[in-house]
């Protein structure tokens, strides 16, 4: 009796498709300040900085091992810039 082949579970991130807002092509190849500025814009993140931070985190997570270490470091810097900006904005309220 043969055992049935089990499919490898698909990752939830593969199912995500967004058509609402997204950064322009090549955004994630830039330096940290440029990425942070683009992700903070109302055009890309109309719901606020938190939305930009989540998009950036998702990109880093989905790229995984295929992301160049130097570029990952830049994207992490951009994420921290956005988090600081978000914290300052929250503190003013």
C-alpha atoms as a PDB file:
ATOM      1  CA  UNK A   1       0.000   0.000   0.000  1.00  0.00           C
ATOM      2  CA  UNK A   2       1.501   3.296  -1.111  1.00  0.00           C
ATOM      3  CA  UNK A   3       1.320   6.339   1.112  1.00  0.00           C
ATOM      4  CA  UNK A   4      -0.213   9.408  -0.507  1.00  0.00           C
ATOM      5  CA  UNK A   5       2.184  12.194  -1.380  1.00  0.00           C
ATOM      6  CA  UNK A   6       1.813  15.131   0.909  1.00  0.00           C
ATOM      7  CA  UNK A   7       1.957  18.588  -0.560  1.00  0.00           C
ATOM      8  CA  UNK A   8       4.292  21.060   1.012  1.00  0.00           C
ATOM      9  CA  UNK A   9       2.177  23.703   2.746  1.00  0.00           C
ATOM     10  CA  UNK A  10       2.108  27.012   0.929  1.00  0.00           C
ATOM     11  CA  UNK A  11       3.055  30.125   2.756  1.00  0.00           C
ATOM     12  CA  UNK A  12       0.306  32.632   3.519  1.00  0.00           C
ATOM     13  CA  UNK A  13       2.351  35.472   1.998  1.00  0.00           C
ATOM     14  CA  UNK A  14       2.104  33.866  -1.453  1.00  0.00           C
ATOM     15  CA  UNK A  15      -1.643  34.502  -1.457  1.00  0.00           C
ATOM     16  CA  UNK A  16      -1.369  38.242  -0.886  1.00  0.00           C
ATOM     17  CA  UNK A  17      -2.280  40.354  -3.847  1.00  0.00           C
ATOM     18  CA  UNK A  18      -2.789  44.058  -3.442  1.00  0.00           C
ATOM     19  CA  UNK A  19      -4.082  46.412  -6.063  1.00  0.00           C
ATOM     20  CA  UNK A  20      -4.883  49.361  -3.839  1.00  0.00           C
ATOM     21  CA  UNK A  21      -1.540  51.035  -3.138  1.00  0.00           C
ATOM     22  CA  UNK A  22       1.965  49.957  -3.829  1.00  0.00           C
ATOM     23  CA  UNK A  23       5.346  51.649  -4.142  1.00  0.00           C
ATOM     24  CA  UNK A  24       6.731  52.523  -7.566  1.00  0.00           C
ATOM     25  CA  UNK A  25       9.035  49.942  -9.200  1.00  0.00           C
ATOM     26  CA  UNK A  26      12.615  50.032  -7.929  1.00  0.00           C
ATOM     27  CA  UNK A  27      11.725  51.583  -4.577  1.00  0.00           C
ATOM     28  CA  UNK A  28      13.324  48.807  -2.544  1.00  0.00           C
ATOM     29  CA  UNK A  29      16.620  49.070  -4.435  1.00  0.00           C
ATOM     30  CA  UNK A  30      17.311  52.609  -3.151  1.00  0.00           C
ATOM     31  CA  UNK A  31      19.031  53.885  -0.032  1.00  0.00           C
ATOM     32  CA  UNK A  32      17.305  53.948   3.364  1.00  0.00           C
ATOM     33  CA  UNK A  33      16.322  57.636   3.366  1.00  0.00           C
ATOM     34  CA  UNK A  34      14.774  57.419  -0.101  1.00  0.00           C
ATOM     35  CA  UNK A  35      12.844  54.261   0.735  1.00  0.00           C
ATOM     36  CA  UNK A  36      11.551  55.813   3.978  1.00  0.00           C
ATOM     37  CA  UNK A  37      10.485  59.005   2.175  1.00  0.00           C
ATOM     38  CA  UNK A  38       8.626  57.068  -0.512  1.00  0.00           C
ATOM     39  CA  UNK A  39       6.933  54.718   1.951  1.00  0.00           C
ATOM     40  CA  UNK A  40       5.836  57.674   4.123  1.00  0.00           C
ATOM     41  CA  UNK A  41       4.126  59.456   1.228  1.00  0.00           C
ATOM     42  CA  UNK A  42       0.328  59.630   1.215  1.00  0.00           C
ATOM     43  CA  UNK A  43       0.280  58.199  -2.301  1.00  0.00           C
ATOM     44  CA  UNK A  44       1.917  54.934  -1.187  1.00  0.00           C
ATOM     45  CA  UNK A  45       0.627  54.784   2.397  1.00  0.00           C
ATOM     46  CA  UNK A  46      -2.690  56.654   2.555  1.00  0.00           C
ATOM     47  CA  UNK A  47      -3.544  55.103   5.935  1.00  0.00           C
ATOM     48  CA  UNK A  48      -0.381  56.434   7.562  1.00  0.00           C
ATOM     49  CA  UNK A  49       3.156  55.432   8.420  1.00  0.00           C
ATOM     50  CA  UNK A  50       2.106  52.107   9.931  1.00  0.00           C
ATOM     51  CA  UNK A  51       0.965  50.969   6.521  1.00  0.00           C
ATOM     52  CA  UNK A  52       4.360  51.808   5.014  1.00  0.00           C
ATOM     53  CA  UNK A  53       6.171  49.983   7.808  1.00  0.00           C
ATOM     54  CA  UNK A  54       4.044  46.871   7.237  1.00  0.00           C
ATOM     55  CA  UNK A  55       4.687  46.944   3.475  1.00  0.00           C
ATOM     56  CA  UNK A  56       8.409  47.238   4.075  1.00  0.00           C
ATOM     57  CA  UNK A  57       8.423  44.385   6.606  1.00  0.00           C
ATOM     58  CA  UNK A  58       6.438  42.191   4.278  1.00  0.00           C
ATOM     59  CA  UNK A  59       8.871  42.863   1.429  1.00  0.00           C
ATOM     60  CA  UNK A  60      11.837  41.944   3.645  1.00  0.00           C
ATOM     61  CA  UNK A  61      10.112  38.767   4.831  1.00  0.00           C
ATOM     62  CA  UNK A  62       9.021  37.661   1.362  1.00  0.00           C
ATOM     63  CA  UNK A  63      12.437  38.281  -0.196  1.00  0.00           C
ATOM     64  CA  UNK A  64      14.005  36.079   2.468  1.00  0.00           C
ATOM     65  CA  UNK A  65      17.334  34.519   1.576  1.00  0.00           C
ATOM     66  CA  UNK A  66      17.239  35.990  -1.929  1.00  0.00           C
ATOM     67  CA  UNK A  67      17.691  39.511  -0.551  1.00  0.00           C
ATOM     68  CA  UNK A  68      21.226  40.843  -0.690  1.00  0.00           C
ATOM     69  CA  UNK A  69      22.543  41.363   2.887  1.00  0.00           C
ATOM     70  CA  UNK A  70      23.586  44.954   2.150  1.00  0.00           C
ATOM     71  CA  UNK A  71      20.153  45.758   0.735  1.00  0.00           C
ATOM     72  CA  UNK A  72      18.447  44.083   3.690  1.00  0.00           C
ATOM     73  CA  UNK A  73      20.483  46.309   6.003  1.00  0.00           C
ATOM     74  CA  UNK A  74      19.342  49.409   4.069  1.00  0.00           C
ATOM     75  CA  UNK A  75      15.706  48.302   4.212  1.00  0.00           C
ATOM     76  CA  UNK A  76      15.976  47.656   7.952  1.00  0.00           C
ATOM     77  CA  UNK A  77      17.403  51.177   8.352  1.00  0.00           C
ATOM     78  CA  UNK A  78      14.462  52.573   6.379  1.00  0.00           C
ATOM     79  CA  UNK A  79      12.056  50.655   8.610  1.00  0.00           C
ATOM     80  CA  UNK A  80      13.677  52.131  11.733  1.00  0.00           C
ATOM     81  CA  UNK A  81      13.483  55.645  10.240  1.00  0.00           C
ATOM     82  CA  UNK A  82       9.752  55.153   9.668  1.00  0.00           C
ATOM     83  CA  UNK A  83       9.262  53.719  13.165  1.00  0.00           C
ATOM     84  CA  UNK A  84      10.994  56.731  14.757  1.00  0.00           C
ATOM     85  CA  UNK A  85       8.905  59.081  12.634  1.00  0.00           C
ATOM     86  CA  UNK A  86       5.747  57.223  13.662  1.00  0.00           C
ATOM     87  CA  UNK A  87       6.719  57.369  17.334  1.00  0.00           C
ATOM     88  CA  UNK A  88       7.276  61.140  17.127  1.00  0.00           C
ATOM     89  CA  UNK A  89       3.927  61.585  15.406  1.00  0.00           C
ATOM     90  CA  UNK A  90       2.188  59.515  18.108  1.00  0.00           C
ATOM     91  CA  UNK A  91       3.905  61.457  20.896  1.00  0.00           C
ATOM     92  CA  UNK A  92       2.548  64.758  19.562  1.00  0.00           C
ATOM     93  CA  UNK A  93      -1.068  63.588  19.954  1.00  0.00           C
END
